[in-house]
Structures are given as structure tokens and as C-alpha cells.
Amino acid sequence: DVPADRRFYSGGGGSVRGYAYQGIGPKDADGEPIGGLSFFETSFEMRIAITDTIGVVPFVDAGTVSTDQFPDFSGMKVGAGVGLRYITPFGPLRIDAAVPLNRDPDDPDFGIYAGIGQAF
């Protein structure tokens, strides 16, 4: 049995925006994430410069987590949104807003994420 801290998780600002942190994948009877043995994630961003220091970033993220050795793509979750970037000497400041495109009843209606550096 694989310990919980060695399993794969997905969802949130660092993976599939629009979904809760670790909100994608298998859950226990209480709805808590239990992680999986395999996962797949992908992100597509179009970074558009508005000025020398301000940019707009439309994006689409997708991911799945499976209890099997190989990812089960039938459970793929997709999120889409737009972000703003402010370029500084130490990296971009970013704020992203995203919605889950194929949400389950427990999934959030949207997510807002802030950070320093690119999303990936």
C-alpha cells in the first residue's frame, strides 16, 4: 500500500486551476482526497503583453488522477480562465481566475489564485 504522502494529487493553482487544491481524483467516504497511483496534467497558456510590464494570460488546464498504475483519461477534469501578470525584476506577479468546465456537484464554481512566477 502506498502511503498518502507518496500518492499523486491534482487540482488548484499549481495544476488544474478552477478546481480545489487536491480536489481532482479519488476521494474517501467523507469526500477527502486519498490520492492516486498515476496522474496526468497539461496546461496551455497564451501570454499576451499589453505593455512592457503588464500582460494578459488566457489558459486551459486539464488533469486526472487514478488509483490504477496508468492514468484513466475518462475522469479528465478541465479548467479555463484568464490571468493578469505584472512583470517585476524578480519575476511576474500573477493573479488568475478560472472555472471548472466539467464540474462535479462538490467542485467550486470558480477559483482565484495569486502567486509570484509563472504558473508552470
N, C-alpha and C. Protein backbone atom coordinates (compact mmCIF):
# COMPACT_ATOMS: atom_id res chain seq x y z
N ASP A 1 0.85 -1.18 0.00
CA ASP A 1 0.00 0.00 0.00
C ASP A 1 0.89 1.25 0.00
N VAL A 2 0.57 2.21 -0.84
CA VAL A 2 1.37 3.43 -0.97
C VAL A 2 0.91 4.46 0.07
N PRO A 3 1.84 4.99 0.88
CA PRO A 3 1.46 5.99 1.88
C PRO A 3 0.86 7.24 1.21
N ALA A 4 -0.03 7.93 1.91
CA ALA A 4 -0.73 9.09 1.36
C ALA A 4 0.22 10.17 0.87
N ASP A 5 1.35 10.37 1.55
CA ASP A 5 2.28 11.42 1.13
C ASP A 5 3.12 11.03 -0.08
N ARG A 6 2.96 9.81 -0.57
CA ARG A 6 3.66 9.35 -1.78
C ARG A 6 2.71 9.21 -2.97
N ARG A 7 1.43 9.50 -2.77
CA ARG A 7 0.44 9.39 -3.84
C ARG A 7 0.38 10.70 -4.62
N PHE A 8 -0.27 10.63 -5.79
CA PHE A 8 -0.42 11.80 -6.64
C PHE A 8 -1.75 12.49 -6.36
N TYR A 9 -1.72 13.82 -6.43
CA TYR A 9 -2.91 14.66 -6.23
C TYR A 9 -2.93 15.71 -7.33
N SER A 10 -4.10 16.25 -7.63
CA SER A 10 -4.21 17.28 -8.65
C SER A 10 -5.34 18.24 -8.30
N GLY A 11 -5.24 19.43 -8.84
CA GLY A 11 -6.26 20.45 -8.63
C GLY A 11 -5.70 21.64 -7.88
N GLY A 12 -6.10 22.84 -8.28
CA GLY A 12 -5.67 24.06 -7.62
C GLY A 12 -4.73 24.89 -8.48
N GLY A 13 -4.19 25.94 -7.87
CA GLY A 13 -3.38 26.91 -8.59
C GLY A 13 -2.12 26.37 -9.22
N GLY A 14 -1.56 25.29 -8.71
CA GLY A 14 -0.33 24.74 -9.25
C GLY A 14 -0.55 23.63 -10.26
N SER A 15 -1.79 23.31 -10.56
CA SER A 15 -2.03 22.21 -11.50
C SER A 15 -3.24 22.50 -12.38
N VAL A 16 -4.44 22.19 -11.94
CA VAL A 16 -5.64 22.42 -12.74
C VAL A 16 -6.45 23.53 -12.07
N ARG A 17 -6.26 24.76 -12.56
CA ARG A 17 -6.95 25.91 -12.00
C ARG A 17 -8.45 25.81 -12.28
N GLY A 18 -9.24 26.28 -11.32
CA GLY A 18 -10.69 26.17 -11.39
C GLY A 18 -11.22 25.12 -10.43
N TYR A 19 -10.34 24.22 -10.00
CA TYR A 19 -10.71 23.16 -9.06
C TYR A 19 -10.01 23.41 -7.73
N ALA A 20 -10.54 22.84 -6.66
CA ALA A 20 -9.95 22.99 -5.34
C ALA A 20 -8.60 22.30 -5.27
N TYR A 21 -7.76 22.76 -4.34
CA TYR A 21 -6.46 22.14 -4.09
C TYR A 21 -6.67 20.66 -3.78
N GLN A 22 -6.03 19.80 -4.55
CA GLN A 22 -6.14 18.34 -4.43
C GLN A 22 -7.58 17.85 -4.63
N GLY A 23 -8.40 18.64 -5.33
CA GLY A 23 -9.81 18.30 -5.50
C GLY A 23 -10.12 17.34 -6.64
N ILE A 24 -9.11 16.99 -7.43
CA ILE A 24 -9.32 16.08 -8.56
C ILE A 24 -8.80 14.70 -8.18
N GLY A 25 -9.58 13.68 -8.43
CA GLY A 25 -9.13 12.31 -8.17
C GLY A 25 -9.97 11.60 -7.14
N PRO A 26 -9.50 10.40 -6.75
CA PRO A 26 -10.28 9.58 -5.82
C PRO A 26 -10.42 10.22 -4.45
N LYS A 27 -11.58 9.96 -3.84
CA LYS A 27 -11.87 10.50 -2.50
C LYS A 27 -12.39 9.38 -1.61
N ASP A 28 -12.27 9.56 -0.29
CA ASP A 28 -12.80 8.56 0.64
C ASP A 28 -14.29 8.81 0.86
N ALA A 29 -14.90 8.06 1.76
CA ALA A 29 -16.34 8.15 2.01
C ALA A 29 -16.76 9.53 2.51
N ASP A 30 -15.82 10.26 3.14
CA ASP A 30 -16.11 11.61 3.64
C ASP A 30 -15.84 12.69 2.60
N GLY A 31 -15.43 12.30 1.40
CA GLY A 31 -15.13 13.26 0.35
C GLY A 31 -13.74 13.85 0.41
N GLU A 32 -12.87 13.26 1.25
CA GLU A 32 -11.50 13.75 1.36
C GLU A 32 -10.61 13.08 0.31
N PRO A 33 -9.69 13.85 -0.32
CA PRO A 33 -8.81 13.25 -1.32
C PRO A 33 -7.92 12.16 -0.72
N ILE A 34 -7.79 11.04 -1.44
CA ILE A 34 -6.92 9.96 -0.98
C ILE A 34 -5.72 9.77 -1.90
N GLY A 35 -5.68 10.51 -3.00
CA GLY A 35 -4.56 10.41 -3.93
C GLY A 35 -4.65 9.18 -4.80
N GLY A 36 -3.73 9.11 -5.75
CA GLY A 36 -3.74 8.01 -6.70
C GLY A 36 -2.35 7.51 -7.01
N LEU A 37 -2.28 6.45 -7.80
CA LEU A 37 -1.01 5.85 -8.19
C LEU A 37 -0.49 6.41 -9.51
N SER A 38 -1.33 7.12 -10.24
CA SER A 38 -0.90 7.73 -11.51
C SER A 38 -1.68 9.02 -11.73
N PHE A 39 -1.09 9.90 -12.53
CA PHE A 39 -1.79 11.14 -12.87
C PHE A 39 -1.30 11.67 -14.20
N PHE A 40 -2.08 12.57 -14.77
CA PHE A 40 -1.72 13.26 -16.00
C PHE A 40 -2.21 14.70 -15.87
N GLU A 41 -1.35 15.65 -16.22
CA GLU A 41 -1.74 17.06 -16.21
C GLU A 41 -1.16 17.74 -17.44
N THR A 42 -1.87 18.73 -17.94
CA THR A 42 -1.36 19.56 -19.03
C THR A 42 -1.93 20.96 -18.89
N SER A 43 -1.18 21.95 -19.37
CA SER A 43 -1.61 23.34 -19.32
C SER A 43 -1.25 24.03 -20.63
N PHE A 44 -2.14 24.87 -21.08
CA PHE A 44 -1.90 25.69 -22.27
C PHE A 44 -2.16 27.14 -21.88
N GLU A 45 -1.16 28.00 -22.10
CA GLU A 45 -1.30 29.43 -21.81
C GLU A 45 -0.88 30.23 -23.03
N MET A 46 -1.56 31.34 -23.25
CA MET A 46 -1.14 32.29 -24.27
C MET A 46 -0.76 33.57 -23.53
N ARG A 47 0.52 33.88 -23.45
CA ARG A 47 0.99 35.05 -22.72
C ARG A 47 1.03 36.24 -23.67
N ILE A 48 0.16 37.22 -23.42
CA ILE A 48 -0.01 38.37 -24.30
C ILE A 48 0.45 39.63 -23.57
N ALA A 49 1.49 40.29 -24.09
CA ALA A 49 1.98 41.53 -23.50
C ALA A 49 1.07 42.68 -23.87
N ILE A 50 0.60 43.42 -22.88
CA ILE A 50 -0.20 44.63 -23.10
C ILE A 50 0.71 45.85 -23.09
N THR A 51 1.60 45.90 -22.10
CA THR A 51 2.66 46.92 -22.02
C THR A 51 3.95 46.18 -21.69
N ASP A 52 5.01 46.93 -21.42
CA ASP A 52 6.28 46.30 -21.05
C ASP A 52 6.18 45.54 -19.73
N THR A 53 5.24 45.93 -18.87
CA THR A 53 5.16 45.31 -17.54
C THR A 53 3.84 44.61 -17.25
N ILE A 54 2.85 44.74 -18.12
CA ILE A 54 1.54 44.14 -17.86
C ILE A 54 1.18 43.17 -18.99
N GLY A 55 0.67 42.01 -18.60
CA GLY A 55 0.26 41.01 -19.58
C GLY A 55 -1.05 40.35 -19.20
N VAL A 56 -1.70 39.78 -20.18
CA VAL A 56 -2.94 39.02 -20.00
C VAL A 56 -2.65 37.59 -20.45
N VAL A 57 -3.20 36.62 -19.71
CA VAL A 57 -2.90 35.21 -19.98
C VAL A 57 -4.18 34.38 -19.98
N PRO A 58 -4.78 34.13 -21.16
CA PRO A 58 -5.85 33.14 -21.20
C PRO A 58 -5.24 31.74 -21.11
N PHE A 59 -5.94 30.81 -20.45
CA PHE A 59 -5.36 29.47 -20.26
C PHE A 59 -6.43 28.40 -20.18
N VAL A 60 -5.99 27.16 -20.42
CA VAL A 60 -6.79 25.96 -20.23
C VAL A 60 -5.88 24.93 -19.56
N ASP A 61 -6.34 24.34 -18.47
CA ASP A 61 -5.61 23.28 -17.76
C ASP A 61 -6.46 22.02 -17.77
N ALA A 62 -5.83 20.87 -17.71
CA ALA A 62 -6.56 19.60 -17.63
C ALA A 62 -5.76 18.61 -16.81
N GLY A 63 -6.45 17.70 -16.13
CA GLY A 63 -5.76 16.70 -15.35
C GLY A 63 -6.68 15.59 -14.87
N THR A 64 -6.04 14.49 -14.50
CA THR A 64 -6.76 13.34 -13.94
C THR A 64 -5.84 12.61 -12.98
N VAL A 65 -6.42 11.98 -11.98
CA VAL A 65 -5.69 11.15 -11.02
C VAL A 65 -6.41 9.81 -10.96
N SER A 66 -5.65 8.72 -10.95
CA SER A 66 -6.25 7.38 -10.99
C SER A 66 -5.64 6.49 -9.92
N THR A 67 -6.43 5.55 -9.42
CA THR A 67 -5.92 4.56 -8.48
C THR A 67 -5.19 3.43 -9.20
N ASP A 68 -5.24 3.42 -10.53
CA ASP A 68 -4.54 2.41 -11.33
C ASP A 68 -3.11 2.84 -11.61
N GLN A 69 -2.31 1.90 -12.12
CA GLN A 69 -0.91 2.17 -12.44
C GLN A 69 -0.78 3.18 -13.58
N PHE A 70 -1.77 3.22 -14.48
CA PHE A 70 -1.75 4.15 -15.59
C PHE A 70 -2.97 5.07 -15.49
N PRO A 71 -2.85 6.33 -15.92
CA PRO A 71 -3.97 7.27 -15.79
C PRO A 71 -5.22 6.80 -16.53
N ASP A 72 -6.37 7.07 -15.92
CA ASP A 72 -7.67 6.80 -16.53
C ASP A 72 -8.19 8.12 -17.08
N PHE A 73 -8.10 8.30 -18.39
CA PHE A 73 -8.45 9.57 -19.00
C PHE A 73 -9.95 9.83 -19.04
N SER A 74 -10.76 8.86 -18.68
CA SER A 74 -12.21 9.08 -18.67
C SER A 74 -12.61 10.04 -17.55
N GLY A 75 -11.76 10.21 -16.55
CA GLY A 75 -12.05 11.13 -15.45
C GLY A 75 -11.38 12.48 -15.59
N MET A 76 -10.94 12.83 -16.80
CA MET A 76 -10.22 14.08 -17.03
C MET A 76 -11.07 15.29 -16.64
N LYS A 77 -10.47 16.20 -15.88
CA LYS A 77 -11.11 17.45 -15.49
C LYS A 77 -10.43 18.60 -16.23
N VAL A 78 -11.22 19.58 -16.67
CA VAL A 78 -10.70 20.70 -17.45
C VAL A 78 -11.15 22.01 -16.80
N GLY A 79 -10.21 22.94 -16.66
CA GLY A 79 -10.49 24.27 -16.15
C GLY A 79 -9.97 25.31 -17.13
N ALA A 80 -10.64 26.46 -17.21
CA ALA A 80 -10.21 27.52 -18.12
C ALA A 80 -10.39 28.86 -17.43
N GLY A 81 -9.57 29.82 -17.84
CA GLY A 81 -9.68 31.14 -17.24
C GLY A 81 -8.75 32.14 -17.87
N VAL A 82 -8.56 33.22 -17.14
CA VAL A 82 -7.69 34.30 -17.60
C VAL A 82 -6.91 34.85 -16.41
N GLY A 83 -5.70 35.30 -16.68
CA GLY A 83 -4.87 35.85 -15.63
C GLY A 83 -4.27 37.18 -16.04
N LEU A 84 -3.81 37.92 -15.04
CA LEU A 84 -3.07 39.15 -15.25
C LEU A 84 -1.66 38.95 -14.73
N ARG A 85 -0.68 39.52 -15.42
CA ARG A 85 0.71 39.44 -15.00
C ARG A 85 1.28 40.85 -14.91
N TYR A 86 2.01 41.10 -13.82
CA TYR A 86 2.76 42.34 -13.67
C TYR A 86 4.22 41.93 -13.55
N ILE A 87 5.01 42.32 -14.54
CA ILE A 87 6.41 41.90 -14.61
C ILE A 87 7.26 42.77 -13.69
N THR A 88 8.01 42.11 -12.80
CA THR A 88 8.93 42.80 -11.89
C THR A 88 10.33 42.24 -12.13
N PRO A 89 11.36 42.89 -11.58
CA PRO A 89 12.72 42.37 -11.75
C PRO A 89 12.92 40.97 -11.15
N PHE A 90 12.11 40.57 -10.18
CA PHE A 90 12.27 39.25 -9.56
C PHE A 90 11.27 38.22 -10.08
N GLY A 91 10.53 38.56 -11.13
CA GLY A 91 9.57 37.64 -11.73
C GLY A 91 8.19 38.24 -11.76
N PRO A 92 7.29 37.63 -12.52
CA PRO A 92 5.93 38.18 -12.64
C PRO A 92 5.08 37.94 -11.39
N LEU A 93 4.33 38.96 -11.01
CA LEU A 93 3.27 38.79 -10.02
C LEU A 93 2.05 38.38 -10.83
N ARG A 94 1.33 37.37 -10.36
CA ARG A 94 0.21 36.88 -11.16
C ARG A 94 -1.04 36.72 -10.32
N ILE A 95 -2.16 36.93 -10.98
CA ILE A 95 -3.46 36.61 -10.41
C ILE A 95 -4.28 35.96 -11.53
N ASP A 96 -4.84 34.81 -11.23
CA ASP A 96 -5.61 34.04 -12.20
C ASP A 96 -7.01 33.79 -11.66
N ALA A 97 -7.99 33.80 -12.55
CA ALA A 97 -9.36 33.41 -12.22
C ALA A 97 -9.75 32.30 -13.19
N ALA A 98 -10.32 31.22 -12.67
CA ALA A 98 -10.65 30.06 -13.52
C ALA A 98 -11.96 29.43 -13.09
N VAL A 99 -12.58 28.75 -14.04
CA VAL A 99 -13.81 27.99 -13.77
C VAL A 99 -13.59 26.54 -14.19
N PRO A 100 -14.17 25.60 -13.45
CA PRO A 100 -14.12 24.20 -13.88
C PRO A 100 -15.12 23.99 -15.02
N LEU A 101 -14.68 23.40 -16.11
CA LEU A 101 -15.56 23.23 -17.27
C LEU A 101 -16.44 21.99 -17.18
N ASN A 102 -16.02 20.99 -16.43
CA ASN A 102 -16.85 19.78 -16.26
C ASN A 102 -16.89 19.44 -14.77
N ARG A 103 -17.53 20.32 -14.03
CA ARG A 103 -17.52 20.22 -12.57
C ARG A 103 -18.50 19.17 -12.06
N ASP A 104 -18.11 18.59 -10.93
CA ASP A 104 -18.99 17.71 -10.16
C ASP A 104 -19.72 18.58 -9.14
N PRO A 105 -20.77 18.08 -8.50
CA PRO A 105 -21.51 18.88 -7.52
C PRO A 105 -20.64 19.43 -6.39
N ASP A 106 -19.57 18.72 -5.97
CA ASP A 106 -18.73 19.21 -4.87
C ASP A 106 -17.67 20.20 -5.33
N ASP A 107 -17.47 20.35 -6.63
CA ASP A 107 -16.43 21.25 -7.13
C ASP A 107 -16.86 22.70 -6.98
N PRO A 108 -15.88 23.61 -6.80
CA PRO A 108 -16.22 25.03 -6.67
C PRO A 108 -16.76 25.60 -7.98
N ASP A 109 -17.44 26.73 -7.89
CA ASP A 109 -17.92 27.42 -9.08
C ASP A 109 -16.78 28.11 -9.83
N PHE A 110 -15.76 28.53 -9.09
CA PHE A 110 -14.61 29.20 -9.68
C PHE A 110 -13.46 29.17 -8.68
N GLY A 111 -12.28 29.56 -9.14
CA GLY A 111 -11.12 29.67 -8.27
C GLY A 111 -10.33 30.92 -8.61
N ILE A 112 -9.74 31.55 -7.60
CA ILE A 112 -8.87 32.71 -7.79
C ILE A 112 -7.54 32.38 -7.14
N TYR A 113 -6.47 32.62 -7.89
CA TYR A 113 -5.13 32.21 -7.45
C TYR A 113 -4.17 33.37 -7.64
N ALA A 114 -3.27 33.58 -6.68
CA ALA A 114 -2.25 34.62 -6.77
C ALA A 114 -0.90 33.99 -6.50
N GLY A 115 0.13 34.54 -7.10
CA GLY A 115 1.46 34.00 -6.87
C GLY A 115 2.54 34.85 -7.51
N ILE A 116 3.77 34.40 -7.32
CA ILE A 116 4.94 35.03 -7.92
C ILE A 116 5.57 34.00 -8.85
N GLY A 117 5.90 34.41 -10.06
CA GLY A 117 6.46 33.49 -11.04
C GLY A 117 5.37 32.97 -11.96
N GLN A 118 5.76 32.23 -12.97
CA GLN A 118 4.79 31.66 -13.90
C GLN A 118 4.07 30.47 -13.24
N ALA A 119 2.89 30.13 -13.75
CA ALA A 119 2.11 29.02 -13.19
C ALA A 119 2.83 27.69 -13.40
N PHE A 120 3.64 27.57 -14.44
CA PHE A 120 4.41 26.36 -14.69
C PHE A 120 5.68 26.71 -15.42
